[in-house]
Amino acid sequence: MLVAVLAGPAAWSVATAQAVHRGSNVYAGPGVTAVRTPPGISPGSTTRTRLPTALVNQVAAGARGYDWAAAVIGRRAADLQLASDSSVWALGGFSGRDPHPTLDEFRAAVAAARVHYLVLTGRGSATGSPGEQIAHWAAGAYASTRVDGWIVVDLTSAVPGGR
């Protein structure tokens, strides 16, 4: 009887250990045993986020000397942090709507050279949220580039006459 009671959880645990675990996704029990990563996509990406290798490499290369290699509005920060193995600041918490940090707090962190990049998905966040205010300010004040649909704002490269 005891063996029968323990067999189910034991089988579930073995299946969990054999499943592929990527990014911030958590799987339990029988699941995916292999994941194909398309060319140009970081192997550390989750299956939904699809972080370009060029973006992940840029963030990783720019991490040295900063408290945060990058800042990202909302939950994508965790994906980028895991893929780049660099510290990434989640602006506005998981949803991007939390009031931390404020625009003034973020500007102070940038002025103190604590964060290198602001990485934006291009979709924006909640209108009027501190994260959206930060994105609007940074996009006007600093040089940015596009990396496969993502916008990378270099917070060390002020635009002349920027905000």
C-alpha atoms as a PDB file:
ATOM      1  CA  MET A   1       0.000   0.000   0.000  1.00  0.00           C
ATOM      2  CA  LEU A   2       2.775   2.443   0.935  1.00  0.00           C
ATOM      3  CA  VAL A   3       4.592   1.727  -2.338  1.00  0.00           C
ATOM      4  CA  ALA A   4       1.431   2.519  -4.317  1.00  0.00           C
ATOM      5  CA  VAL A   5       0.978   5.816  -2.444  1.00  0.00           C
ATOM      6  CA  LEU A   6       4.580   6.899  -3.109  1.00  0.00           C
ATOM      7  CA  ALA A   7       4.811   5.691  -6.731  1.00  0.00           C
ATOM      8  CA  GLY A   8       2.779   8.592  -8.171  1.00  0.00           C
ATOM      9  CA  PRO A   9       4.773  11.418  -6.565  1.00  0.00           C
ATOM     10  CA  ALA A  10       8.034   9.625  -7.376  1.00  0.00           C
ATOM     11  CA  ALA A  11       7.099   9.272 -11.052  1.00  0.00           C
ATOM     12  CA  TRP A  12       5.996  12.930 -11.158  1.00  0.00           C
ATOM     13  CA  SER A  13       9.318  14.043  -9.625  1.00  0.00           C
ATOM     14  CA  VAL A  14      11.337  12.045 -12.161  1.00  0.00           C
ATOM     15  CA  ALA A  15       9.287  13.513 -15.033  1.00  0.00           C
ATOM     16  CA  THR A  16       9.857  17.031 -13.656  1.00  0.00           C
ATOM     17  CA  ALA A  17      13.612  16.469 -13.459  1.00  0.00           C
ATOM     18  CA  GLN A  18      13.674  15.263 -17.072  1.00  0.00           C
ATOM     19  CA  ALA A  19      11.659  18.184 -18.492  1.00  0.00           C
ATOM     20  CA  VAL A  20      13.352  21.180 -20.120  1.00  0.00           C
ATOM     21  CA  HIS A  21      13.403  24.267 -17.911  1.00  0.00           C
ATOM     22  CA  ARG A  22      14.105  27.593 -19.632  1.00  0.00           C
ATOM     23  CA  GLY A  23      13.891  31.180 -18.532  1.00  0.00           C
ATOM     24  CA  SER A  24      11.473  32.121 -15.820  1.00  0.00           C
ATOM     25  CA  ASN A  25       8.904  29.459 -16.759  1.00  0.00           C
ATOM     26  CA  VAL A  26       8.321  26.711 -14.235  1.00  0.00           C
ATOM     27  CA  TYR A  27       7.226  23.260 -15.360  1.00  0.00           C
ATOM     28  CA  ALA A  28       6.230  20.312 -13.218  1.00  0.00           C
ATOM     29  CA  GLY A  29       5.536  16.768 -14.253  1.00  0.00           C
ATOM     30  CA  PRO A  30       5.718  15.333 -17.760  1.00  0.00           C
ATOM     31  CA  GLY A  31       6.454  18.036 -20.249  1.00  0.00           C
ATOM     32  CA  VAL A  32       8.723  19.308 -22.931  1.00  0.00           C
ATOM     33  CA  THR A  33      11.902  17.259 -23.211  1.00  0.00           C
ATOM     34  CA  ALA A  34      13.570  19.293 -25.968  1.00  0.00           C
ATOM     35  CA  VAL A  35      13.279  22.857 -27.227  1.00  0.00           C
ATOM     36  CA  ARG A  36      14.524  24.004 -30.611  1.00  0.00           C
ATOM     37  CA  THR A  37      15.994  27.492 -30.549  1.00  0.00           C
ATOM     38  CA  PRO A  38      15.628  29.379 -33.848  1.00  0.00           C
ATOM     39  CA  PRO A  39      18.772  30.982 -35.311  1.00  0.00           C
ATOM     40  CA  GLY A  40      19.465  34.414 -33.834  1.00  0.00           C
ATOM     41  CA  ILE A  41      17.458  33.729 -30.668  1.00  0.00           C
ATOM     42  CA  SER A  42      19.239  33.334 -27.348  1.00  0.00           C
ATOM     43  CA  PRO A  43      19.192  29.767 -26.036  1.00  0.00           C
ATOM     44  CA  GLY A  44      18.388  31.237 -22.603  1.00  0.00           C
ATOM     45  CA  SER A  45      15.137  32.764 -23.868  1.00  0.00           C
ATOM     46  CA  THR A  46      11.771  31.487 -22.826  1.00  0.00           C
ATOM     47  CA  THR A  47       9.635  30.038 -25.576  1.00  0.00           C
ATOM     48  CA  ARG A  48       7.348  33.095 -25.538  1.00  0.00           C
ATOM     49  CA  THR A  49       9.806  35.968 -25.144  1.00  0.00           C
ATOM     50  CA  ARG A  50      12.338  35.078 -27.871  1.00  0.00           C
ATOM     51  CA  LEU A  51      15.216  37.381 -26.956  1.00  0.00           C
ATOM     52  CA  PRO A  52      17.556  38.055 -29.878  1.00  0.00           C
ATOM     53  CA  THR A  53      21.107  36.817 -29.314  1.00  0.00           C
ATOM     54  CA  ALA A  54      22.424  40.271 -30.286  1.00  0.00           C
ATOM     55  CA  LEU A  55      20.338  41.902 -27.531  1.00  0.00           C
ATOM     56  CA  VAL A  56      21.385  39.399 -24.880  1.00  0.00           C
ATOM     57  CA  ASN A  57      25.060  39.746 -25.866  1.00  0.00           C
ATOM     58  CA  GLN A  58      24.874  43.563 -25.817  1.00  0.00           C
ATOM     59  CA  VAL A  59      23.372  43.597 -22.323  1.00  0.00           C
ATOM     60  CA  ALA A  60      25.892  41.040 -21.042  1.00  0.00           C
ATOM     61  CA  ALA A  61      28.826  42.966 -22.553  1.00  0.00           C
ATOM     62  CA  GLY A  62      27.598  46.242 -21.027  1.00  0.00           C
ATOM     63  CA  ALA A  63      27.117  44.923 -17.497  1.00  0.00           C
ATOM     64  CA  ARG A  64      30.552  45.605 -16.035  1.00  0.00           C
ATOM     65  CA  GLY A  65      30.629  48.584 -13.685  1.00  0.00           C
ATOM     66  CA  TYR A  66      26.850  48.971 -13.352  1.00  0.00           C
ATOM     67  CA  ASP A  67      24.428  47.908 -10.640  1.00  0.00           C
ATOM     68  CA  TRP A  68      22.020  47.008 -13.461  1.00  0.00           C
ATOM     69  CA  ALA A  69      23.168  46.128 -16.957  1.00  0.00           C
ATOM     70  CA  ALA A  70      19.688  47.050 -18.157  1.00  0.00           C
ATOM     71  CA  ALA A  71      16.251  48.114 -17.026  1.00  0.00           C
ATOM     72  CA  VAL A  72      13.077  46.659 -18.531  1.00  0.00           C
ATOM     73  CA  ILE A  73       9.463  47.565 -17.858  1.00  0.00           C
ATOM     74  CA  GLY A  74       7.661  44.624 -16.286  1.00  0.00           C
ATOM     75  CA  ARG A  75       8.086  40.869 -16.418  1.00  0.00           C
ATOM     76  CA  ARG A  76      10.466  40.704 -19.392  1.00  0.00           C
ATOM     77  CA  ALA A  77      13.233  41.808 -17.019  1.00  0.00           C
ATOM     78  CA  ALA A  78      13.413  38.302 -15.551  1.00  0.00           C
ATOM     79  CA  ASP A  79      13.736  36.747 -19.000  1.00  0.00           C
ATOM     80  CA  LEU A  80      16.555  39.115 -19.977  1.00  0.00           C
ATOM     81  CA  GLN A  81      18.327  38.652 -16.651  1.00  0.00           C
ATOM     82  CA  LEU A  82      18.313  34.869 -16.956  1.00  0.00           C
ATOM     83  CA  ALA A  83      19.347  34.885 -20.625  1.00  0.00           C
ATOM     84  CA  SER A  84      22.169  37.432 -20.204  1.00  0.00           C
ATOM     85  CA  ASP A  85      23.329  36.332 -16.750  1.00  0.00           C
ATOM     86  CA  SER A  86      23.414  40.042 -15.856  1.00  0.00           C
ATOM     87  CA  SER A  87      21.474  42.119 -13.371  1.00  0.00           C
ATOM     88  CA  VAL A  88      18.309  43.627 -14.881  1.00  0.00           C
ATOM     89  CA  TRP A  89      16.024  46.096 -13.128  1.00  0.00           C
ATOM     90  CA  ALA A  90      12.293  45.337 -13.429  1.00  0.00           C
ATOM     91  CA  LEU A  91      10.709  48.770 -13.667  1.00  0.00           C
ATOM     92  CA  GLY A  92       7.169  48.834 -12.338  1.00  0.00           C
ATOM     93  CA  GLY A  93       7.301  45.292 -10.981  1.00  0.00           C
ATOM     94  CA  PHE A  94       5.849  42.295 -12.812  1.00  0.00           C
ATOM     95  CA  SER A  95       3.006  44.181 -14.504  1.00  0.00           C
ATOM     96  CA  GLY A  96       4.959  47.375 -15.196  1.00  0.00           C
ATOM     97  CA  ARG A  97       2.302  49.371 -13.336  1.00  0.00           C
ATOM     98  CA  ASP A  98       3.786  49.540  -9.849  1.00  0.00           C
ATOM     99  CA  PRO A  99       4.895  53.052  -8.864  1.00  0.00           C
ATOM    100  CA  HIS A 100       8.552  52.128  -8.370  1.00  0.00           C
ATOM    101  CA  PRO A 101      10.805  53.588  -9.434  1.00  0.00           C
ATOM    102  CA  THR A 102       9.444  57.024 -10.124  1.00  0.00           C
ATOM    103  CA  LEU A 103      10.845  59.027 -13.009  1.00  0.00           C
ATOM    104  CA  ASP A 104      12.922  61.100 -10.577  1.00  0.00           C
ATOM    105  CA  GLU A 105      14.324  57.977  -8.893  1.00  0.00           C
ATOM    106  CA  PHE A 106      15.252  56.485 -12.257  1.00  0.00           C
ATOM    107  CA  ARG A 107      16.840  59.738 -13.447  1.00  0.00           C
ATOM    108  CA  ALA A 108      18.942  59.796 -10.261  1.00  0.00           C
ATOM    109  CA  ALA A 109      20.089  56.203 -10.899  1.00  0.00           C
ATOM    110  CA  VAL A 110      21.053  57.111 -14.478  1.00  0.00           C
ATOM    111  CA  ALA A 111      22.902  60.247 -13.303  1.00  0.00           C
ATOM    112  CA  ALA A 112      24.827  58.100 -10.810  1.00  0.00           C
ATOM    113  CA  ALA A 113      25.764  55.677 -13.654  1.00  0.00           C
ATOM    114  CA  ARG A 114      23.984  52.757 -11.948  1.00  0.00           C
ATOM    115  CA  VAL A 115      22.139  51.471 -15.046  1.00  0.00           C
ATOM    116  CA  HIS A 116      23.527  51.115 -18.590  1.00  0.00           C
ATOM    117  CA  TYR A 117      20.579  50.343 -20.901  1.00  0.00           C
ATOM    118  CA  LEU A 118      16.841  50.728 -20.971  1.00  0.00           C
ATOM    119  CA  VAL A 119      15.381  47.894 -23.060  1.00  0.00           C
ATOM    120  CA  LEU A 120      11.872  48.410 -24.412  1.00  0.00           C
ATOM    121  CA  THR A 121       9.621  45.948 -26.183  1.00  0.00           C
ATOM    122  CA  GLY A 122       8.176  48.697 -28.326  1.00  0.00           C
ATOM    123  CA  ARG A 123       4.664  47.965 -27.029  1.00  0.00           C
ATOM    124  CA  GLY A 124       4.702  50.429 -24.160  1.00  0.00           C
ATOM    125  CA  SER A 125       3.142  49.907 -20.774  1.00  0.00           C
ATOM    126  CA  ALA A 126       0.196  51.310 -18.880  1.00  0.00           C
ATOM    127  CA  THR A 127      -0.480  54.885 -19.951  1.00  0.00           C
ATOM    128  CA  GLY A 128       0.826  57.331 -17.422  1.00  0.00           C
ATOM    129  CA  SER A 129       2.612  54.695 -15.351  1.00  0.00           C
ATOM    130  CA  PRO A 130       6.073  55.571 -14.022  1.00  0.00           C
ATOM    131  CA  GLY A 131       7.507  52.966 -16.424  1.00  0.00           C
ATOM    132  CA  GLU A 132       5.942  54.700 -19.413  1.00  0.00           C
ATOM    133  CA  GLN A 133       7.123  58.089 -18.125  1.00  0.00           C
ATOM    134  CA  ILE A 134      10.645  56.680 -17.849  1.00  0.00           C
ATOM    135  CA  ALA A 135      10.484  55.237 -21.374  1.00  0.00           C
ATOM    136  CA  HIS A 136       9.238  58.537 -22.798  1.00  0.00           C
ATOM    137  CA  TRP A 137      11.933  60.551 -21.026  1.00  0.00           C
ATOM    138  CA  ALA A 138      14.799  58.189 -21.878  1.00  0.00           C
ATOM    139  CA  ALA A 139      13.823  57.818 -25.547  1.00  0.00           C
ATOM    140  CA  GLY A 140      14.013  61.595 -25.942  1.00  0.00           C
ATOM    141  CA  ALA A 141      17.164  62.146 -23.915  1.00  0.00           C
ATOM    142  CA  TYR A 142      19.419  59.258 -25.004  1.00  0.00           C
ATOM    143  CA  ALA A 143      20.462  57.541 -28.207  1.00  0.00           C
ATOM    144  CA  SER A 144      18.645  54.335 -29.037  1.00  0.00           C
ATOM    145  CA  THR A 145      18.966  51.482 -31.507  1.00  0.00           C
ATOM    146  CA  ARG A 146      16.650  48.695 -32.646  1.00  0.00           C
ATOM    147  CA  VAL A 147      17.643  45.096 -32.131  1.00  0.00           C
ATOM    148  CA  ASP A 148      15.181  42.777 -33.853  1.00  0.00           C
ATOM    149  CA  GLY A 149      12.081  44.620 -32.692  1.00  0.00           C
ATOM    150  CA  TRP A 150      13.453  45.606 -29.292  1.00  0.00           C
ATOM    151  CA  ILE A 151      14.518  49.188 -28.552  1.00  0.00           C
ATOM    152  CA  VAL A 152      17.794  49.602 -26.656  1.00  0.00           C
ATOM    153  CA  VAL A 153      18.328  53.034 -25.110  1.00  0.00           C
ATOM    154  CA  ASP A 154      21.973  53.636 -24.176  1.00  0.00           C
ATOM    155  CA  LEU A 155      21.738  55.619 -20.938  1.00  0.00           C
ATOM    156  CA  THR A 156      25.385  56.686 -21.278  1.00  0.00           C
ATOM    157  CA  SER A 157      24.840  58.399 -24.644  1.00  0.00           C
ATOM    158  CA  ALA A 158      22.876  61.604 -24.144  1.00  0.00           C
ATOM    159  CA  VAL A 159      21.304  63.199 -27.226  1.00  0.00           C
ATOM    160  CA  PRO A 160      22.322  66.863 -27.674  1.00  0.00           C
ATOM    161  CA  GLY A 161      19.356  69.011 -26.703  1.00  0.00           C
ATOM    162  CA  GLY A 162      17.519  65.982 -25.294  1.00  0.00           C
ATOM    163  CA  ARG A 163      15.094  66.253 -22.398  1.00  0.00           C
END
